[in-house]
Protein backbone atom coordinates (compact mmCIF):
# COMPACT_ATOMS: atom_id res chain seq x y z
CA UNK A 1 257.25 40.24 79.19
CA UNK A 2 260.88 40.74 80.09
CA UNK A 3 259.91 43.53 82.52
CA UNK A 4 257.36 41.30 84.27
CA UNK A 5 259.95 38.55 84.61
CA UNK A 6 262.38 40.97 86.21
CA UNK A 7 259.68 42.19 88.59
CA UNK A 8 258.84 38.62 89.53
CA UNK A 9 262.48 37.76 90.21
CA UNK A 10 262.83 40.84 92.40
CA UNK A 11 259.79 39.83 94.45
CA UNK A 12 261.20 36.33 94.92
CA UNK A 13 264.52 37.75 96.13
CA UNK A 14 262.80 40.03 98.58
CA UNK A 15 260.79 37.09 99.94
CA UNK A 16 263.95 35.04 100.37
CA UNK A 17 265.71 37.89 102.17
CA UNK A 18 262.76 38.40 104.50
CA UNK A 19 262.35 34.71 105.27
CA UNK A 20 265.87 33.39 105.56
CA UNK A 21 268.34 35.97 104.39
CA UNK A 22 269.03 37.21 107.99
CA UNK A 23 270.69 34.75 110.32
CA UNK A 24 269.73 36.63 113.47
CA UNK A 25 266.52 38.24 114.61
CA UNK A 26 266.60 41.99 114.49
CA UNK A 27 265.91 43.40 117.97
CA UNK A 28 265.01 46.95 118.73
CA UNK A 29 266.71 48.38 121.79
CA UNK A 30 264.07 49.68 124.17
CA UNK A 31 264.78 52.56 126.52
CA UNK A 32 262.84 52.60 129.75
CA UNK A 33 260.80 55.74 130.18
CA UNK A 34 261.89 57.84 133.16
CA UNK A 35 259.73 57.46 136.21
CA UNK A 36 257.45 60.43 136.74
CA UNK A 37 258.44 62.73 139.59
CA UNK A 38 256.68 61.83 142.79
CA UNK A 39 253.91 64.29 143.54
CA UNK A 40 254.05 65.59 147.10
CA UNK A 41 250.68 65.82 148.78
CA UNK A 42 249.82 69.33 149.97
CA UNK A 43 247.62 70.29 152.91
CA UNK A 44 247.02 73.05 155.44
CA UNK A 45 248.53 71.82 158.74
CA UNK A 46 245.79 71.40 161.33
CA UNK A 47 248.12 71.50 164.34
CA UNK A 48 250.84 73.81 163.06
CA UNK A 49 254.44 73.25 161.94
CA UNK A 50 257.37 72.23 164.16
CA UNK A 51 260.28 74.63 163.67
CA UNK A 52 263.40 72.85 164.95
CA UNK A 53 266.15 74.89 166.59
CA UNK A 54 269.73 73.64 166.30
CA UNK A 55 272.97 75.24 167.42
CA UNK A 56 276.37 73.57 167.26
CA UNK A 57 276.64 70.13 165.65
CA UNK A 58 279.53 68.26 167.22
CA UNK A 59 281.24 68.80 170.57
CA UNK A 60 281.86 72.21 172.12
CA UNK A 61 285.62 72.22 172.88
CA UNK A 62 285.07 74.82 175.60
CA UNK A 63 282.31 72.79 177.27
CA UNK A 64 282.00 69.10 176.28
CA UNK A 65 278.77 68.87 178.32
CA UNK A 66 277.07 71.80 176.57
CA UNK A 67 273.52 70.56 176.02
CA UNK A 68 272.92 73.16 173.31
CA UNK A 69 275.20 71.06 171.11
CA UNK A 70 274.19 67.91 169.30
CA UNK A 71 276.60 65.17 168.33
CA UNK A 72 277.03 64.50 164.64
CA UNK A 73 275.82 60.94 165.18
CA UNK A 74 272.54 62.09 166.76
CA UNK A 75 272.07 64.75 164.10
CA UNK A 76 272.44 62.21 161.30
CA UNK A 77 270.00 59.85 163.04
CA UNK A 78 267.43 62.64 163.23
CA UNK A 79 267.78 63.63 159.58
CA UNK A 80 267.54 59.97 158.53
CA UNK A 81 264.38 59.65 160.64
CA UNK A 82 262.83 62.61 158.79
CA UNK A 83 263.75 61.13 155.42
CA UNK A 84 262.64 57.58 156.23
CA UNK A 85 259.30 58.80 157.59
CA UNK A 86 258.54 61.09 154.65
CA UNK A 87 258.78 64.42 156.45
CA UNK A 88 259.22 67.49 154.26
CA UNK A 89 261.50 70.30 155.46
CA UNK A 90 259.96 73.49 154.06
CA UNK A 91 261.38 76.91 153.25
CA UNK A 92 260.92 80.16 155.15
CA UNK A 93 258.64 81.44 152.40
CA UNK A 94 256.43 78.36 152.63
CA UNK A 95 256.20 78.79 156.39
CA UNK A 96 255.34 82.46 155.99
CA UNK A 97 252.63 81.73 153.42
CA UNK A 98 251.07 79.23 155.81
CA UNK A 99 251.31 81.43 158.93
CA UNK A 100 250.07 84.59 157.20
CA UNK A 101 247.56 83.24 154.67
CA UNK A 102 246.80 79.65 155.77
CA UNK A 103 248.18 78.27 152.51
CA UNK A 104 248.92 74.55 152.14
CA UNK A 105 252.41 73.12 152.48
CA UNK A 106 253.76 69.59 151.87
CA UNK A 107 252.29 67.07 154.30
CA UNK A 108 254.37 66.25 157.38
CA UNK A 109 256.13 69.61 157.26
CA UNK A 110 259.05 70.60 159.43
CA UNK A 111 261.39 73.61 159.43
CA UNK A 112 265.13 73.21 160.09
CA UNK A 113 266.92 76.23 161.58
CA UNK A 114 270.55 76.54 162.69
CA UNK A 115 271.62 79.44 164.91
CA UNK A 116 274.91 81.32 165.29
CA UNK A 117 276.85 80.38 162.14
CA UNK A 118 279.19 77.77 163.59
CA UNK A 119 281.72 76.22 161.18
CA UNK A 120 280.02 72.83 161.52
CA UNK A 121 277.00 74.13 159.59
CA UNK A 122 279.39 74.19 156.64
CA UNK A 123 281.41 71.01 157.30
CA UNK A 124 278.63 68.76 158.66
CA UNK A 125 275.18 70.22 158.03
CA UNK A 126 275.64 71.26 154.40
CA UNK A 127 276.65 67.77 153.13
CA UNK A 128 273.71 66.18 154.97
CA UNK A 129 271.26 68.73 153.53
CA UNK A 130 272.61 67.96 150.05
CA UNK A 131 272.36 64.21 150.62
CA UNK A 132 268.68 64.37 151.60
CA UNK A 133 267.64 67.37 149.53
CA UNK A 134 266.41 69.21 152.63
CA UNK A 135 265.64 72.91 152.88
CA UNK A 136 267.06 74.71 155.91
CA UNK A 137 267.88 78.18 157.21
CA UNK A 138 271.08 79.34 158.92
CA UNK A 139 270.82 82.45 161.10
CA UNK A 140 274.15 84.27 161.23
CA UNK A 141 275.38 87.27 163.25
CA UNK A 142 277.06 89.03 160.35
CA UNK A 143 279.78 90.76 162.42
CA UNK A 144 281.19 87.34 163.36
CA UNK A 145 281.83 86.27 159.75
CA UNK A 146 285.56 86.10 158.95
CA UNK A 147 286.46 86.47 162.65
CA UNK A 148 288.11 83.01 162.88
CA UNK A 149 285.55 81.60 165.33
CA UNK A 150 282.50 81.33 163.04
CA UNK A 151 281.82 80.89 159.32
CA UNK A 152 283.70 82.81 156.67
CA UNK A 153 281.84 84.75 154.01
CA UNK A 154 283.26 82.35 151.41
CA UNK A 155 281.76 79.39 153.27
CA UNK A 156 278.47 81.22 153.66
CA UNK A 157 278.36 81.89 149.92
CA UNK A 158 278.99 78.20 149.20
CA UNK A 159 276.19 77.25 151.57
CA UNK A 160 273.84 79.69 149.86
CA UNK A 161 274.81 78.26 146.46
CA UNK A 162 274.05 74.76 147.81
CA UNK A 163 270.48 75.83 148.60
CA UNK A 164 270.78 76.68 152.29
CA UNK A 165 268.93 79.88 153.14
CA UNK A 166 270.95 82.49 155.02
CA UNK A 167 269.17 84.94 157.32
CA UNK A 168 269.94 87.42 160.11
CA UNK A 169 270.83 86.67 163.72
CA UNK A 170 271.64 90.31 164.34
CA UNK A 171 274.92 92.09 163.78
CA UNK A 172 276.72 91.62 167.13
CA UNK A 173 274.60 88.72 168.47
CA UNK A 174 273.32 90.81 171.35
CA UNK A 175 269.88 90.97 172.98
CA UNK A 176 267.83 93.32 170.81
CA UNK A 177 265.13 93.63 173.46
CA UNK A 178 267.64 95.40 175.71
CA UNK A 179 268.73 97.96 173.08
CA UNK A 180 267.60 101.55 172.80
CA UNK A 181 265.94 102.86 169.64
CA UNK A 182 268.99 104.17 167.75
CA UNK A 183 271.19 101.25 168.78
CA UNK A 184 268.51 98.75 167.79
CA UNK A 185 268.01 100.34 164.38
CA UNK A 186 271.76 100.39 163.74
CA UNK A 187 272.04 96.72 164.73
CA UNK A 188 269.37 95.61 162.28
CA UNK A 189 270.45 98.00 159.52
CA UNK A 190 274.07 96.77 159.63
CA UNK A 191 273.02 93.13 159.49
CA UNK A 192 270.68 93.74 156.55
CA UNK A 193 273.32 95.76 154.71
CA UNK A 194 276.00 93.07 155.06
CA UNK A 195 273.68 90.32 153.87
CA UNK A 196 272.90 92.47 150.85
CA UNK A 197 276.56 93.30 150.20
CA UNK A 198 277.97 89.80 150.52
CA UNK A 199 275.08 87.62 149.36
CA UNK A 200 272.97 89.94 147.22
CA UNK A 201 269.81 89.21 149.21
CA UNK A 202 267.10 91.42 150.62
CA UNK A 203 266.72 89.46 153.84
CA UNK A 204 263.22 88.89 155.25
CA UNK A 205 263.86 86.61 158.24
CA UNK A 206 265.37 87.16 161.68
CA UNK A 207 266.23 85.13 164.76
CA UNK A 208 266.41 86.92 168.12
CA UNK A 209 269.81 86.43 169.79
CA UNK A 210 269.25 84.60 173.09
CA UNK A 211 265.54 84.56 172.26
CA UNK A 212 264.73 87.97 173.76
CA UNK A 213 262.14 90.10 171.97
CA UNK A 214 259.60 92.86 172.57
CA UNK A 215 257.16 95.02 170.55
CA UNK A 216 259.81 97.70 169.98
CA UNK A 217 262.15 95.17 168.36
CA UNK A 218 259.33 93.81 166.21
CA UNK A 219 258.53 97.32 165.00
CA UNK A 220 262.11 97.94 163.89
CA UNK A 221 262.33 94.54 162.20
CA UNK A 222 259.19 95.30 160.23
CA UNK A 223 260.66 98.66 159.24
CA UNK A 224 263.66 96.87 157.69
CA UNK A 225 261.56 94.38 155.71
CA UNK A 226 261.56 91.40 158.09
CA UNK A 227 258.47 89.17 157.68
CA UNK A 228 259.16 86.46 160.28
CA UNK A 229 261.18 86.62 163.50
CA UNK A 230 262.00 83.53 165.56
CA UNK A 231 262.14 83.11 169.33
CA UNK A 232 263.22 80.35 171.68
CA UNK A 233 259.69 80.01 173.06
CA UNK A 234 258.56 76.36 172.82
CA UNK A 235 255.67 75.35 170.61
CA UNK A 236 254.68 74.88 166.98
CA UNK A 237 254.21 77.69 164.46
CA UNK A 238 250.53 78.17 163.58
CA UNK A 239 248.36 80.14 161.21
CA UNK A 240 247.45 83.46 162.78
CA UNK A 241 250.37 83.50 165.24
CA UNK A 242 252.39 86.68 165.74
CA UNK A 243 254.90 86.57 162.85
CA UNK A 244 257.42 88.45 165.04
CA UNK A 245 257.29 85.83 167.82
CA UNK A 246 257.53 82.50 166.00
CA UNK A 247 257.92 79.54 168.37
CA UNK A 248 260.53 76.83 167.94
CA UNK A 249 261.40 73.38 169.26
CA UNK A 250 264.73 73.04 171.08
CA UNK A 251 267.01 70.23 169.90
CA UNK A 252 270.05 69.29 172.01
CA UNK A 253 271.97 66.20 173.10
CA UNK A 254 269.34 65.19 175.65
CA UNK A 255 266.87 64.72 172.79
CA UNK A 256 267.23 61.07 171.82
CA UNK A 257 265.53 59.63 168.74
CA UNK A 258 262.35 58.67 170.60
CA UNK A 259 261.99 62.14 172.07
CA UNK A 260 262.80 63.60 168.67
CA UNK A 261 259.92 61.60 167.18
CA UNK A 262 257.63 63.18 169.77
CA UNK A 263 258.84 66.69 169.00
CA UNK A 264 258.05 66.45 165.30
CA UNK A 265 254.68 64.72 165.75
CA UNK A 266 253.08 66.45 168.75
CA UNK A 267 253.43 69.59 170.83
CA UNK A 268 252.83 67.46 173.93
CA UNK A 269 256.30 65.98 173.96
CA UNK A 270 258.29 64.95 177.02
CA UNK A 271 260.45 67.82 178.20
CA UNK A 272 264.18 67.09 178.40
């Protein structure tokens, strides 16, 4: 009987503790579940992909009226427009897969390319690309690195580490369509070798200096592993186009935000 009394007293104590023994309600801390990553819709572009061509961002000290330049203010407005309107800057590989095999890419695609390797691609472009999480490609003439007027190899390495793709703009930044066979091969070989030496990449993309190209140049580029080569010819890049004559859309200071909107939404934009 003593044991049953003890058991009964224990049950009474437990009941008292449960009912009034705690002065405050015990609350469990809830942790909000992380939001699932937004899925980007994929599609095969019906009208092609606008490949935007930038040069210097800022003001050319040698020629303040150089229309190939774009002020930092206008550049930031354009990148904000792309972000606010849900455009998706895609990589070179994504563009190649679309052009060669008609594979889907993120909807509202655009390609951002920067020619010549000016220092502002490090000081201005790189922070903006990081801020928006945009993919882009910088075409550099490798001979000009560490020559005081363009990017240094250290800056180029930092840009690569930040996710910016580095590709060839030749070795000396000279018109490859005007070069003879041996000179042309040496020009491409040197550029490819320096990209391999300094960045550890087997480069597959090329931008023609001054936009000049011909079948002979394309043949040499293919020989050295280039898959896409970019011109200054206007138009959008499309499935089935010549991969060694990829068209691009010029962007300079005369392109205001309304004209920019046209250039990324239709090939039939107002010429400036």
